[in-house]
Amino acid sequence: MARWLLLVLAALLVWKLLQPGPVELGPGVYAAEDPLQTDPASDEPFELNGFQITPLADFRLRAKVLSREDYSMGEEAELSPVDLALGWGPMSDEQVLDEIEISQSGRWYRWRSASFPIPRNEISAHSANMHLVPADAVVEDDIDTIREGQIVELSGHLIRADRDDGWRWVSSLTRHDTGGRSCELFYVKRARIIY
């Protein structure tokens, strides 16, 4: 039994080491525009994997992947298996990002900086943790290929998700909030890697 466990751990370690590392693009703003959020074309609820999904806004953005965290356990993982911390404007510039430490865990995105290459409020206003809800298996496969450091385009809806037992998860609708409930719950209908 112990030998079998060691083999599994060794295989996992080899798999982890063979995973591609972050993409480096060099200095420069690679995603200049702020995300585009508009009233939803339709706010009609629909079902997805046992959840009732209500579109709150149509949403699309081009952004740099600052960090990625995959989830397989918990209620939220049934709906959103991947979180991407995304940056745009100055937060898509690796010269700025080199001065900021970024991490993700427990559905949270955190950053800290000793030198603040841009003002604190600019960091918060130009980055966000987004809980991705793939619209279908094709989009889920596209999201699975996204790596830290890449520039991606995502489009779909910011949503509210409800379940019959009263459980609810609601997206933030502004890029200027921080702390609890400031993440976007993003139903992704299209995901594309730019670089």
N, C-alpha and C. Protein backbone atom coordinates (compact mmCIF):
# COMPACT_ATOMS: atom_id res chain seq x y z
N MET A 1 0.83 -1.20 0.00
CA MET A 1 0.00 0.00 0.00
C MET A 1 0.87 1.26 0.00
N ALA A 2 1.89 1.27 0.86
CA ALA A 2 2.78 2.43 0.93
C ALA A 2 3.51 2.62 -0.40
N ARG A 3 3.92 1.52 -1.03
CA ARG A 3 4.61 1.60 -2.31
C ARG A 3 3.69 2.19 -3.38
N TRP A 4 2.43 1.75 -3.40
CA TRP A 4 1.44 2.28 -4.35
C TRP A 4 1.25 3.78 -4.15
N LEU A 5 1.16 4.21 -2.89
CA LEU A 5 0.98 5.64 -2.58
C LEU A 5 2.19 6.44 -3.05
N LEU A 6 3.40 5.91 -2.85
CA LEU A 6 4.61 6.60 -3.31
C LEU A 6 4.62 6.73 -4.83
N LEU A 7 4.16 5.69 -5.53
CA LEU A 7 4.09 5.76 -6.99
C LEU A 7 3.10 6.82 -7.46
N VAL A 8 1.96 6.90 -6.81
CA VAL A 8 0.96 7.92 -7.16
C VAL A 8 1.52 9.31 -6.91
N LEU A 9 2.16 9.52 -5.75
CA LEU A 9 2.75 10.83 -5.44
C LEU A 9 3.85 11.19 -6.43
N ALA A 10 4.67 10.23 -6.79
CA ALA A 10 5.73 10.47 -7.78
C ALA A 10 5.13 10.85 -9.13
N ALA A 11 4.09 10.15 -9.54
CA ALA A 11 3.43 10.46 -10.81
C ALA A 11 2.85 11.86 -10.79
N LEU A 12 2.23 12.25 -9.69
CA LEU A 12 1.66 13.60 -9.57
C LEU A 12 2.75 14.65 -9.63
N LEU A 13 3.89 14.39 -8.97
CA LEU A 13 5.00 15.34 -9.00
C LEU A 13 5.54 15.50 -10.42
N VAL A 14 5.73 14.41 -11.13
CA VAL A 14 6.21 14.47 -12.51
C VAL A 14 5.22 15.23 -13.38
N TRP A 15 3.93 14.93 -13.22
CA TRP A 15 2.89 15.63 -13.99
C TRP A 15 2.96 17.13 -13.74
N LYS A 16 3.09 17.53 -12.46
CA LYS A 16 3.14 18.96 -12.10
C LYS A 16 4.37 19.63 -12.71
N LEU A 17 5.51 18.95 -12.68
CA LEU A 17 6.74 19.52 -13.22
C LEU A 17 6.68 19.67 -14.73
N LEU A 18 5.91 18.82 -15.41
CA LEU A 18 5.82 18.89 -16.87
C LEU A 18 4.80 19.91 -17.37
N GLN A 19 4.01 20.48 -16.45
CA GLN A 19 3.03 21.48 -16.86
C GLN A 19 3.74 22.74 -17.34
N PRO A 20 3.25 23.36 -18.41
CA PRO A 20 3.91 24.57 -18.91
C PRO A 20 3.83 25.69 -17.88
N GLY A 21 4.90 26.48 -17.82
CA GLY A 21 4.95 27.59 -16.87
C GLY A 21 4.23 28.81 -17.41
N PRO A 22 4.31 29.91 -16.66
CA PRO A 22 3.65 31.15 -17.08
C PRO A 22 4.23 31.67 -18.40
N VAL A 23 3.38 32.34 -19.16
CA VAL A 23 3.78 32.97 -20.41
C VAL A 23 4.34 34.35 -20.08
N GLU A 24 5.50 34.68 -20.65
CA GLU A 24 6.09 36.00 -20.46
C GLU A 24 6.07 36.75 -21.78
N LEU A 25 5.49 37.94 -21.75
CA LEU A 25 5.35 38.75 -22.97
C LEU A 25 6.25 39.97 -22.97
N GLY A 26 6.83 40.31 -21.82
CA GLY A 26 7.68 41.49 -21.72
C GLY A 26 6.87 42.73 -21.37
N PRO A 27 7.58 43.86 -21.18
CA PRO A 27 6.90 45.09 -20.77
C PRO A 27 5.96 45.62 -21.85
N GLY A 28 4.97 46.37 -21.40
CA GLY A 28 4.00 46.98 -22.30
C GLY A 28 2.58 46.61 -21.92
N VAL A 29 1.65 47.49 -22.23
CA VAL A 29 0.24 47.26 -21.94
C VAL A 29 -0.34 46.41 -23.07
N TYR A 30 -0.76 45.19 -22.74
CA TYR A 30 -1.25 44.25 -23.74
C TYR A 30 -2.78 44.19 -23.81
N ALA A 31 -3.44 44.78 -22.84
CA ALA A 31 -4.91 44.80 -22.81
C ALA A 31 -5.33 46.18 -22.31
N ALA A 32 -5.37 47.13 -23.20
CA ALA A 32 -5.53 48.53 -22.81
C ALA A 32 -6.93 48.91 -22.35
N GLU A 33 -7.94 48.29 -22.93
CA GLU A 33 -9.32 48.70 -22.70
C GLU A 33 -9.89 48.14 -21.40
N ASP A 34 -10.74 48.93 -20.74
CA ASP A 34 -11.50 48.43 -19.59
C ASP A 34 -12.52 47.41 -20.07
N PRO A 35 -12.94 46.50 -19.21
CA PRO A 35 -14.02 45.56 -19.59
C PRO A 35 -15.27 46.33 -20.03
N LEU A 36 -16.01 45.74 -20.94
CA LEU A 36 -17.25 46.34 -21.44
C LEU A 36 -18.43 45.63 -20.79
N GLN A 37 -19.22 46.39 -20.04
CA GLN A 37 -20.40 45.85 -19.37
C GLN A 37 -21.62 46.64 -19.80
N THR A 38 -22.65 45.94 -20.25
CA THR A 38 -23.89 46.59 -20.69
C THR A 38 -25.08 45.85 -20.10
N ASP A 39 -26.25 46.48 -20.19
CA ASP A 39 -27.46 45.79 -19.75
C ASP A 39 -27.61 44.49 -20.55
N PRO A 40 -28.13 43.44 -19.92
CA PRO A 40 -28.23 42.17 -20.65
C PRO A 40 -29.23 42.26 -21.79
N ALA A 41 -28.88 41.64 -22.92
CA ALA A 41 -29.81 41.56 -24.05
C ALA A 41 -31.08 40.85 -23.61
N SER A 42 -30.94 39.87 -22.70
CA SER A 42 -32.08 39.17 -22.10
C SER A 42 -31.72 38.83 -20.67
N ASP A 43 -32.65 39.10 -19.76
CA ASP A 43 -32.42 38.71 -18.36
C ASP A 43 -33.27 37.50 -17.97
N GLU A 44 -33.68 36.74 -19.00
CA GLU A 44 -34.50 35.55 -18.79
C GLU A 44 -33.64 34.46 -18.14
N PRO A 45 -34.05 33.95 -16.96
CA PRO A 45 -33.28 32.88 -16.31
C PRO A 45 -33.28 31.60 -17.14
N PHE A 46 -32.22 30.81 -16.97
CA PHE A 46 -32.12 29.50 -17.63
C PHE A 46 -31.44 28.53 -16.68
N GLU A 47 -31.59 27.24 -16.97
CA GLU A 47 -31.03 26.19 -16.13
C GLU A 47 -29.65 25.78 -16.63
N LEU A 48 -28.76 25.50 -15.68
CA LEU A 48 -27.44 24.98 -16.01
C LEU A 48 -26.98 24.07 -14.87
N ASN A 49 -26.89 22.78 -15.14
CA ASN A 49 -26.37 21.81 -14.18
C ASN A 49 -27.04 21.89 -12.81
N GLY A 50 -28.36 22.08 -12.80
CA GLY A 50 -29.10 22.13 -11.54
C GLY A 50 -29.15 23.50 -10.90
N PHE A 51 -28.60 24.52 -11.55
CA PHE A 51 -28.63 25.89 -11.06
C PHE A 51 -29.52 26.72 -11.96
N GLN A 52 -30.20 27.70 -11.39
CA GLN A 52 -30.93 28.68 -12.19
C GLN A 52 -30.01 29.88 -12.37
N ILE A 53 -29.73 30.21 -13.62
CA ILE A 53 -28.80 31.28 -13.96
C ILE A 53 -29.59 32.49 -14.45
N THR A 54 -29.35 33.64 -13.84
CA THR A 54 -29.99 34.88 -14.26
C THR A 54 -28.93 35.85 -14.75
N PRO A 55 -28.95 36.23 -16.02
CA PRO A 55 -28.00 37.23 -16.52
C PRO A 55 -28.27 38.59 -15.87
N LEU A 56 -27.23 39.21 -15.34
CA LEU A 56 -27.33 40.54 -14.73
C LEU A 56 -26.76 41.61 -15.65
N ALA A 57 -25.79 41.22 -16.50
CA ALA A 57 -25.17 42.15 -17.43
C ALA A 57 -24.49 41.34 -18.52
N ASP A 58 -24.44 41.90 -19.73
CA ASP A 58 -23.58 41.35 -20.76
C ASP A 58 -22.17 41.88 -20.48
N PHE A 59 -21.15 41.04 -20.70
CA PHE A 59 -19.81 41.39 -20.25
C PHE A 59 -18.78 40.79 -21.19
N ARG A 60 -17.78 41.58 -21.51
CA ARG A 60 -16.66 41.06 -22.27
C ARG A 60 -15.40 41.85 -21.92
N LEU A 61 -14.27 41.17 -22.04
CA LEU A 61 -13.02 41.85 -21.75
C LEU A 61 -11.86 41.15 -22.44
N ARG A 62 -10.81 41.92 -22.62
CA ARG A 62 -9.50 41.39 -22.99
C ARG A 62 -8.61 41.70 -21.79
N ALA A 63 -7.89 40.68 -21.31
CA ALA A 63 -7.11 40.87 -20.08
C ALA A 63 -5.94 39.91 -20.04
N LYS A 64 -4.99 40.24 -19.17
CA LYS A 64 -3.85 39.37 -18.91
C LYS A 64 -4.20 38.46 -17.74
N VAL A 65 -3.84 37.20 -17.85
CA VAL A 65 -4.08 36.24 -16.76
C VAL A 65 -2.97 36.43 -15.73
N LEU A 66 -3.33 36.98 -14.59
CA LEU A 66 -2.37 37.23 -13.51
C LEU A 66 -2.13 35.98 -12.69
N SER A 67 -3.16 35.16 -12.57
CA SER A 67 -3.07 33.93 -11.80
C SER A 67 -4.27 33.06 -12.16
N ARG A 68 -4.12 31.76 -11.91
CA ARG A 68 -5.19 30.81 -12.20
C ARG A 68 -5.28 29.83 -11.04
N GLU A 69 -6.51 29.52 -10.63
CA GLU A 69 -6.73 28.52 -9.58
C GLU A 69 -7.88 27.63 -10.01
N ASP A 70 -7.65 26.32 -9.99
CA ASP A 70 -8.68 25.34 -10.34
C ASP A 70 -9.28 24.77 -9.06
N TYR A 71 -10.58 24.47 -9.11
CA TYR A 71 -11.29 23.94 -7.94
C TYR A 71 -12.07 22.70 -8.36
N SER A 72 -12.08 21.71 -7.48
CA SER A 72 -12.83 20.49 -7.75
C SER A 72 -13.75 20.11 -6.60
N MET A 73 -13.65 20.81 -5.47
CA MET A 73 -14.50 20.48 -4.32
C MET A 73 -15.29 21.71 -3.89
N GLY A 74 -16.45 21.46 -3.29
CA GLY A 74 -17.30 22.53 -2.80
C GLY A 74 -18.43 22.83 -3.76
N GLU A 75 -19.46 23.47 -3.22
CA GLU A 75 -20.64 23.79 -4.04
C GLU A 75 -20.29 24.66 -5.23
N GLU A 76 -19.41 25.63 -5.00
CA GLU A 76 -19.07 26.56 -6.08
C GLU A 76 -18.38 25.86 -7.24
N ALA A 77 -17.58 24.81 -6.93
CA ALA A 77 -16.84 24.10 -7.99
C ALA A 77 -17.77 23.39 -8.96
N GLU A 78 -18.96 23.01 -8.50
CA GLU A 78 -19.92 22.38 -9.40
C GLU A 78 -20.34 23.32 -10.52
N LEU A 79 -20.30 24.60 -10.22
CA LEU A 79 -20.71 25.63 -11.19
C LEU A 79 -19.50 26.26 -11.87
N SER A 80 -18.50 26.60 -11.06
CA SER A 80 -17.32 27.32 -11.54
C SER A 80 -16.05 26.59 -11.13
N PRO A 81 -15.48 25.80 -12.04
CA PRO A 81 -14.28 25.02 -11.68
C PRO A 81 -12.97 25.81 -11.77
N VAL A 82 -12.99 27.03 -12.31
CA VAL A 82 -11.77 27.80 -12.50
C VAL A 82 -12.00 29.26 -12.10
N ASP A 83 -11.03 29.81 -11.37
CA ASP A 83 -10.96 31.25 -11.13
C ASP A 83 -9.75 31.79 -11.87
N LEU A 84 -9.93 32.90 -12.55
CA LEU A 84 -8.81 33.63 -13.14
C LEU A 84 -8.73 35.00 -12.49
N ALA A 85 -7.55 35.34 -11.98
CA ALA A 85 -7.27 36.73 -11.61
C ALA A 85 -6.81 37.40 -12.90
N LEU A 86 -7.52 38.44 -13.30
CA LEU A 86 -7.28 39.09 -14.59
C LEU A 86 -6.90 40.54 -14.40
N GLY A 87 -6.04 41.04 -15.29
CA GLY A 87 -5.63 42.43 -15.24
C GLY A 87 -5.72 43.08 -16.61
N TRP A 88 -6.07 44.36 -16.63
CA TRP A 88 -6.15 45.13 -17.87
C TRP A 88 -5.54 46.50 -17.61
N GLY A 89 -5.39 47.29 -18.69
CA GLY A 89 -4.73 48.59 -18.53
C GLY A 89 -3.34 48.38 -17.93
N PRO A 90 -2.95 49.19 -16.94
CA PRO A 90 -1.61 49.04 -16.37
C PRO A 90 -1.36 47.68 -15.74
N MET A 91 -2.42 46.97 -15.36
CA MET A 91 -2.25 45.64 -14.76
C MET A 91 -2.08 44.54 -15.82
N SER A 92 -1.90 44.94 -17.08
CA SER A 92 -1.52 43.97 -18.12
C SER A 92 -0.08 44.19 -18.55
N ASP A 93 0.62 45.07 -17.86
CA ASP A 93 2.01 45.41 -18.16
C ASP A 93 2.94 44.65 -17.22
N GLU A 94 3.78 43.78 -17.77
CA GLU A 94 4.66 42.97 -16.93
C GLU A 94 5.67 43.81 -16.16
N GLN A 95 6.00 45.00 -16.65
CA GLN A 95 6.90 45.89 -15.90
C GLN A 95 6.24 46.31 -14.59
N VAL A 96 4.96 46.55 -14.61
CA VAL A 96 4.20 46.86 -13.38
C VAL A 96 4.04 45.59 -12.55
N LEU A 97 3.68 44.50 -13.19
CA LEU A 97 3.40 43.25 -12.47
C LEU A 97 4.62 42.68 -11.78
N ASP A 98 5.82 42.99 -12.29
CA ASP A 98 7.04 42.51 -11.64
C ASP A 98 7.18 43.05 -10.22
N GLU A 99 6.49 44.14 -9.91
CA GLU A 99 6.58 44.77 -8.58
C GLU A 99 5.41 44.38 -7.67
N ILE A 100 4.55 43.49 -8.14
CA ILE A 100 3.36 43.12 -7.38
C ILE A 100 3.34 41.61 -7.19
N GLU A 101 3.15 41.18 -5.96
CA GLU A 101 3.02 39.74 -5.66
C GLU A 101 1.55 39.38 -5.70
N ILE A 102 1.22 38.37 -6.49
CA ILE A 102 -0.18 37.98 -6.70
C ILE A 102 -0.36 36.52 -6.28
N SER A 103 -1.49 36.25 -5.59
CA SER A 103 -1.80 34.87 -5.20
C SER A 103 -3.31 34.67 -5.23
N GLN A 104 -3.70 33.40 -5.26
CA GLN A 104 -5.11 33.01 -5.22
C GLN A 104 -5.25 31.80 -4.31
N SER A 105 -6.33 31.78 -3.55
CA SER A 105 -6.70 30.58 -2.78
C SER A 105 -8.07 30.81 -2.18
N GLY A 106 -8.80 29.71 -1.96
CA GLY A 106 -10.10 29.81 -1.32
C GLY A 106 -11.06 30.75 -2.00
N ARG A 107 -10.97 30.84 -3.34
CA ARG A 107 -11.83 31.72 -4.15
C ARG A 107 -11.50 33.20 -3.97
N TRP A 108 -10.34 33.51 -3.42
CA TRP A 108 -9.90 34.89 -3.24
C TRP A 108 -8.67 35.16 -4.09
N TYR A 109 -8.55 36.39 -4.57
CA TYR A 109 -7.36 36.90 -5.26
C TYR A 109 -6.75 37.95 -4.35
N ARG A 110 -5.46 37.81 -4.12
CA ARG A 110 -4.76 38.75 -3.23
C ARG A 110 -3.53 39.31 -3.95
N TRP A 111 -3.21 40.54 -3.62
CA TRP A 111 -1.98 41.13 -4.14
C TRP A 111 -1.34 41.94 -3.04
N ARG A 112 -0.03 42.11 -3.18
CA ARG A 112 0.68 43.02 -2.28
C ARG A 112 1.91 43.54 -2.99
N SER A 113 2.34 44.71 -2.57
CA SER A 113 3.49 45.35 -3.20
C SER A 113 4.22 46.20 -2.17
N ALA A 114 5.53 46.12 -2.17
CA ALA A 114 6.34 46.95 -1.29
C ALA A 114 6.60 48.31 -1.91
N SER A 115 6.58 48.37 -3.25
CA SER A 115 7.00 49.61 -3.92
C SER A 115 5.88 50.35 -4.65
N PHE A 116 4.73 49.74 -4.86
CA PHE A 116 3.59 50.34 -5.56
C PHE A 116 4.00 51.03 -6.85
N PRO A 117 4.19 50.27 -7.93
CA PRO A 117 4.56 50.86 -9.21
C PRO A 117 3.45 51.73 -9.79
N ILE A 118 2.23 51.50 -9.39
CA ILE A 118 1.08 52.36 -9.71
C ILE A 118 0.28 52.52 -8.42
N PRO A 119 -0.58 53.53 -8.33
CA PRO A 119 -1.34 53.72 -7.08
C PRO A 119 -2.20 52.51 -6.73
N ARG A 120 -2.41 52.32 -5.44
CA ARG A 120 -3.20 51.20 -4.92
C ARG A 120 -4.57 51.11 -5.58
N ASN A 121 -5.25 52.24 -5.72
CA ASN A 121 -6.60 52.20 -6.31
C ASN A 121 -6.57 51.81 -7.79
N GLU A 122 -5.45 52.07 -8.49
CA GLU A 122 -5.31 51.65 -9.88
C GLU A 122 -5.15 50.13 -9.97
N ILE A 123 -4.44 49.55 -9.01
CA ILE A 123 -4.30 48.09 -8.98
C ILE A 123 -5.67 47.45 -8.82
N SER A 124 -6.44 47.95 -7.85
CA SER A 124 -7.77 47.38 -7.58
C SER A 124 -8.74 47.60 -8.72
N ALA A 125 -8.67 48.78 -9.36
CA ALA A 125 -9.63 49.11 -10.43
C ALA A 125 -9.30 48.43 -11.75
N HIS A 126 -8.08 47.89 -11.89
CA HIS A 126 -7.66 47.29 -13.15
C HIS A 126 -7.35 45.80 -13.02
N SER A 127 -7.91 45.18 -11.99
CA SER A 127 -7.75 43.74 -11.83
C SER A 127 -8.92 43.19 -11.04
N ALA A 128 -9.19 41.92 -11.24
CA ALA A 128 -10.32 41.30 -10.54
C ALA A 128 -10.17 39.79 -10.55
N ASN A 129 -10.79 39.15 -9.57
CA ASN A 129 -10.90 37.70 -9.54
C ASN A 129 -12.23 37.34 -10.19
N MET A 130 -12.17 36.49 -11.19
CA MET A 130 -13.39 36.12 -11.90
C MET A 130 -13.61 34.62 -11.80
N HIS A 131 -14.80 34.27 -11.27
CA HIS A 131 -15.21 32.88 -11.17
C HIS A 131 -15.85 32.51 -12.51
N LEU A 132 -15.19 31.64 -13.26
CA LEU A 132 -15.66 31.32 -14.61
C LEU A 132 -16.65 30.16 -14.61
N VAL A 133 -17.80 30.40 -15.25
CA VAL A 133 -18.84 29.38 -15.42
C VAL A 133 -18.91 29.07 -16.91
N PRO A 134 -18.32 27.96 -17.35
CA PRO A 134 -18.34 27.66 -18.79
C PRO A 134 -19.75 27.36 -19.28
N ALA A 135 -20.11 27.92 -20.43
CA ALA A 135 -21.45 27.73 -20.99
C ALA A 135 -21.68 26.30 -21.47
N ASP A 136 -20.59 25.64 -21.93
CA ASP A 136 -20.72 24.27 -22.44
C ASP A 136 -19.35 23.61 -22.41
N ALA A 137 -19.29 22.37 -22.88
CA ALA A 137 -18.04 21.59 -22.84
C ALA A 137 -16.96 22.19 -23.72
N VAL A 138 -17.34 22.79 -24.84
CA VAL A 138 -16.35 23.41 -25.73
C VAL A 138 -15.68 24.58 -25.04
N VAL A 139 -16.47 25.44 -24.40
CA VAL A 139 -15.91 26.59 -23.67
C VAL A 139 -15.07 26.10 -22.50
N GLU A 140 -15.54 25.06 -21.82
CA GLU A 140 -14.76 24.51 -20.70
C GLU A 140 -13.39 24.03 -21.19
N ASP A 141 -13.35 23.37 -22.34
CA ASP A 141 -12.07 22.93 -22.90
C ASP A 141 -11.18 24.13 -23.25
N ASP A 142 -11.79 25.18 -23.80
CA ASP A 142 -11.02 26.39 -24.12
C ASP A 142 -10.43 27.02 -22.85
N ILE A 143 -11.23 27.09 -21.79
CA ILE A 143 -10.76 27.65 -20.52
C ILE A 143 -9.63 26.79 -19.94
N ASP A 144 -9.74 25.48 -20.10
CA ASP A 144 -8.71 24.58 -19.57
C ASP A 144 -7.34 24.83 -20.17
N THR A 145 -7.27 25.40 -21.37
CA THR A 145 -5.97 25.64 -22.02
C THR A 145 -5.34 26.97 -21.62
N ILE A 146 -6.06 27.82 -20.90
CA ILE A 146 -5.56 29.14 -20.54
C ILE A 146 -4.48 29.02 -19.47
N ARG A 147 -3.37 29.74 -19.69
CA ARG A 147 -2.24 29.73 -18.77
C ARG A 147 -1.96 31.12 -18.21
N GLU A 148 -1.35 31.14 -17.05
CA GLU A 148 -0.92 32.40 -16.44
C GLU A 148 -0.01 33.14 -17.41
N GLY A 149 -0.22 34.45 -17.50
CA GLY A 149 0.59 35.30 -18.36
C GLY A 149 0.01 35.55 -19.73
N GLN A 150 -0.93 34.72 -20.17
CA GLN A 150 -1.52 34.91 -21.49
C GLN A 150 -2.49 36.09 -21.51
N ILE A 151 -2.74 36.56 -22.70
CA ILE A 151 -3.79 37.56 -22.93
C ILE A 151 -4.98 36.81 -23.49
N VAL A 152 -6.14 37.01 -22.87
CA VAL A 152 -7.34 36.28 -23.28
C VAL A 152 -8.48 37.25 -23.54
N GLU A 153 -9.41 36.81 -24.36
CA GLU A 153 -10.68 37.51 -24.55
C GLU A 153 -11.79 36.59 -24.08
N LEU A 154 -12.64 37.10 -23.21
CA LEU A 154 -13.77 36.35 -22.68
C LEU A 154 -15.03 37.17 -22.88
N SER A 155 -16.13 36.49 -23.22
CA SER A 155 -17.40 37.21 -23.34
C SER A 155 -18.53 36.32 -22.86
N GLY A 156 -19.58 36.97 -22.36
CA GLY A 156 -20.74 36.25 -21.85
C GLY A 156 -21.58 37.17 -20.97
N HIS A 157 -21.91 36.68 -19.78
CA HIS A 157 -22.76 37.44 -18.86
C HIS A 157 -22.20 37.40 -17.44
N LEU A 158 -22.36 38.49 -16.71
CA LEU A 158 -22.25 38.44 -15.26
C LEU A 158 -23.60 37.94 -14.76
N ILE A 159 -23.58 37.05 -13.78
CA ILE A 159 -24.81 36.32 -13.45
C ILE A 159 -25.08 36.23 -11.95
N ARG A 160 -26.29 35.83 -11.66
CA ARG A 160 -26.68 35.34 -10.34
C ARG A 160 -27.04 33.87 -10.53
N ALA A 161 -26.56 33.04 -9.62
CA ALA A 161 -26.87 31.61 -9.67
C ALA A 161 -27.65 31.23 -8.43
N ASP A 162 -28.78 30.55 -8.61
CA ASP A 162 -29.63 30.11 -7.51
C ASP A 162 -29.85 28.60 -7.61
N ARG A 163 -30.07 28.00 -6.46
CA ARG A 163 -30.42 26.59 -6.41
C ARG A 163 -31.69 26.45 -5.58
N ASP A 164 -32.42 25.36 -5.79
CA ASP A 164 -33.72 25.16 -5.13
C ASP A 164 -33.64 25.17 -3.61
N ASP A 165 -32.47 24.81 -3.04
CA ASP A 165 -32.35 24.76 -1.58
C ASP A 165 -32.07 26.12 -0.95
N GLY A 166 -32.08 27.20 -1.76
CA GLY A 166 -31.87 28.54 -1.24
C GLY A 166 -30.45 29.07 -1.41
N TRP A 167 -29.53 28.21 -1.85
CA TRP A 167 -28.15 28.64 -2.08
C TRP A 167 -28.13 29.65 -3.22
N ARG A 168 -27.31 30.70 -3.06
CA ARG A 168 -27.23 31.77 -4.07
C ARG A 168 -25.81 32.30 -4.15
N TRP A 169 -25.40 32.64 -5.38
CA TRP A 169 -24.09 33.24 -5.64
C TRP A 169 -24.33 34.37 -6.62
N VAL A 170 -23.89 35.59 -6.28
CA VAL A 170 -24.20 36.77 -7.09
C VAL A 170 -22.91 37.49 -7.49
N SER A 171 -22.82 37.85 -8.75
CA SER A 171 -21.66 38.57 -9.26
C SER A 171 -21.62 40.01 -8.78
N SER A 172 -20.42 40.52 -8.61
CA SER A 172 -20.23 41.97 -8.51
C SER A 172 -20.55 42.58 -9.87
N LEU A 173 -21.00 43.81 -9.85
CA LEU A 173 -21.31 44.51 -11.10
C LEU A 173 -20.46 45.77 -11.27
N THR A 174 -19.38 45.89 -10.49
CA THR A 174 -18.49 47.03 -10.61
C THR A 174 -17.05 46.55 -10.50
N ARG A 175 -16.12 47.28 -11.11
CA ARG A 175 -14.71 46.93 -11.00
C ARG A 175 -14.03 47.71 -9.88
N HIS A 176 -14.77 48.49 -9.14
CA HIS A 176 -14.16 49.35 -8.12
C HIS A 176 -14.37 48.85 -6.69
N ASP A 177 -14.98 47.68 -6.52
CA ASP A 177 -15.16 47.16 -5.17
C ASP A 177 -14.00 46.24 -4.80
N THR A 178 -13.82 46.02 -3.51
CA THR A 178 -12.79 45.11 -3.01
C THR A 178 -13.38 44.32 -1.85
N GLY A 179 -12.71 43.24 -1.49
CA GLY A 179 -13.15 42.44 -0.35
C GLY A 179 -14.24 41.46 -0.74
N GLY A 180 -14.97 40.98 0.28
CA GLY A 180 -16.03 40.00 0.07
C GLY A 180 -17.08 40.49 -0.91
N ARG A 181 -17.53 39.59 -1.75
CA ARG A 181 -18.57 39.84 -2.76
C ARG A 181 -18.13 40.79 -3.87
N SER A 182 -16.82 40.96 -4.04
CA SER A 182 -16.34 41.86 -5.09
C SER A 182 -15.92 41.12 -6.36
N CYS A 183 -16.02 39.81 -6.36
CA CYS A 183 -15.62 39.03 -7.53
C CYS A 183 -16.74 38.95 -8.55
N GLU A 184 -16.35 38.74 -9.78
CA GLU A 184 -17.32 38.57 -10.86
C GLU A 184 -17.63 37.08 -11.02
N LEU A 185 -18.90 36.77 -11.08
CA LEU A 185 -19.37 35.43 -11.42
C LEU A 185 -19.73 35.51 -12.91
N PHE A 186 -18.91 34.89 -13.74
CA PHE A 186 -18.87 35.17 -15.17
C PHE A 186 -19.24 33.91 -15.96
N TYR A 187 -20.44 33.92 -16.53
CA TYR A 187 -20.90 32.86 -17.43
C TYR A 187 -20.24 33.11 -18.77
N VAL A 188 -19.28 32.27 -19.13
CA VAL A 188 -18.46 32.49 -20.31
C VAL A 188 -19.02 31.72 -21.50
N LYS A 189 -19.42 32.47 -22.53
CA LYS A 189 -19.93 31.86 -23.76
C LYS A 189 -18.85 31.71 -24.81
N ARG A 190 -17.77 32.49 -24.66
CA ARG A 190 -16.66 32.43 -25.62
C ARG A 190 -15.37 32.76 -24.89
N ALA A 191 -14.35 31.93 -25.09
CA ALA A 191 -13.03 32.14 -24.51
C ALA A 191 -11.99 31.96 -25.61
N ARG A 192 -11.11 32.94 -25.73
CA ARG A 192 -10.12 32.90 -26.81
C ARG A 192 -8.79 33.41 -26.29
N ILE A 193 -7.73 32.68 -26.57
CA ILE A 193 -6.38 33.11 -26.21
C ILE A 193 -5.85 34.00 -27.34
N ILE A 194 -5.39 35.21 -26.99
CA ILE A 194 -4.85 36.13 -27.97
C ILE A 194 -3.35 35.92 -28.14
N TYR A 195 -2.61 35.91 -27.03
CA TYR A 195 -1.16 35.59 -27.03
C TYR A 195 -0.91 34.59 -25.94
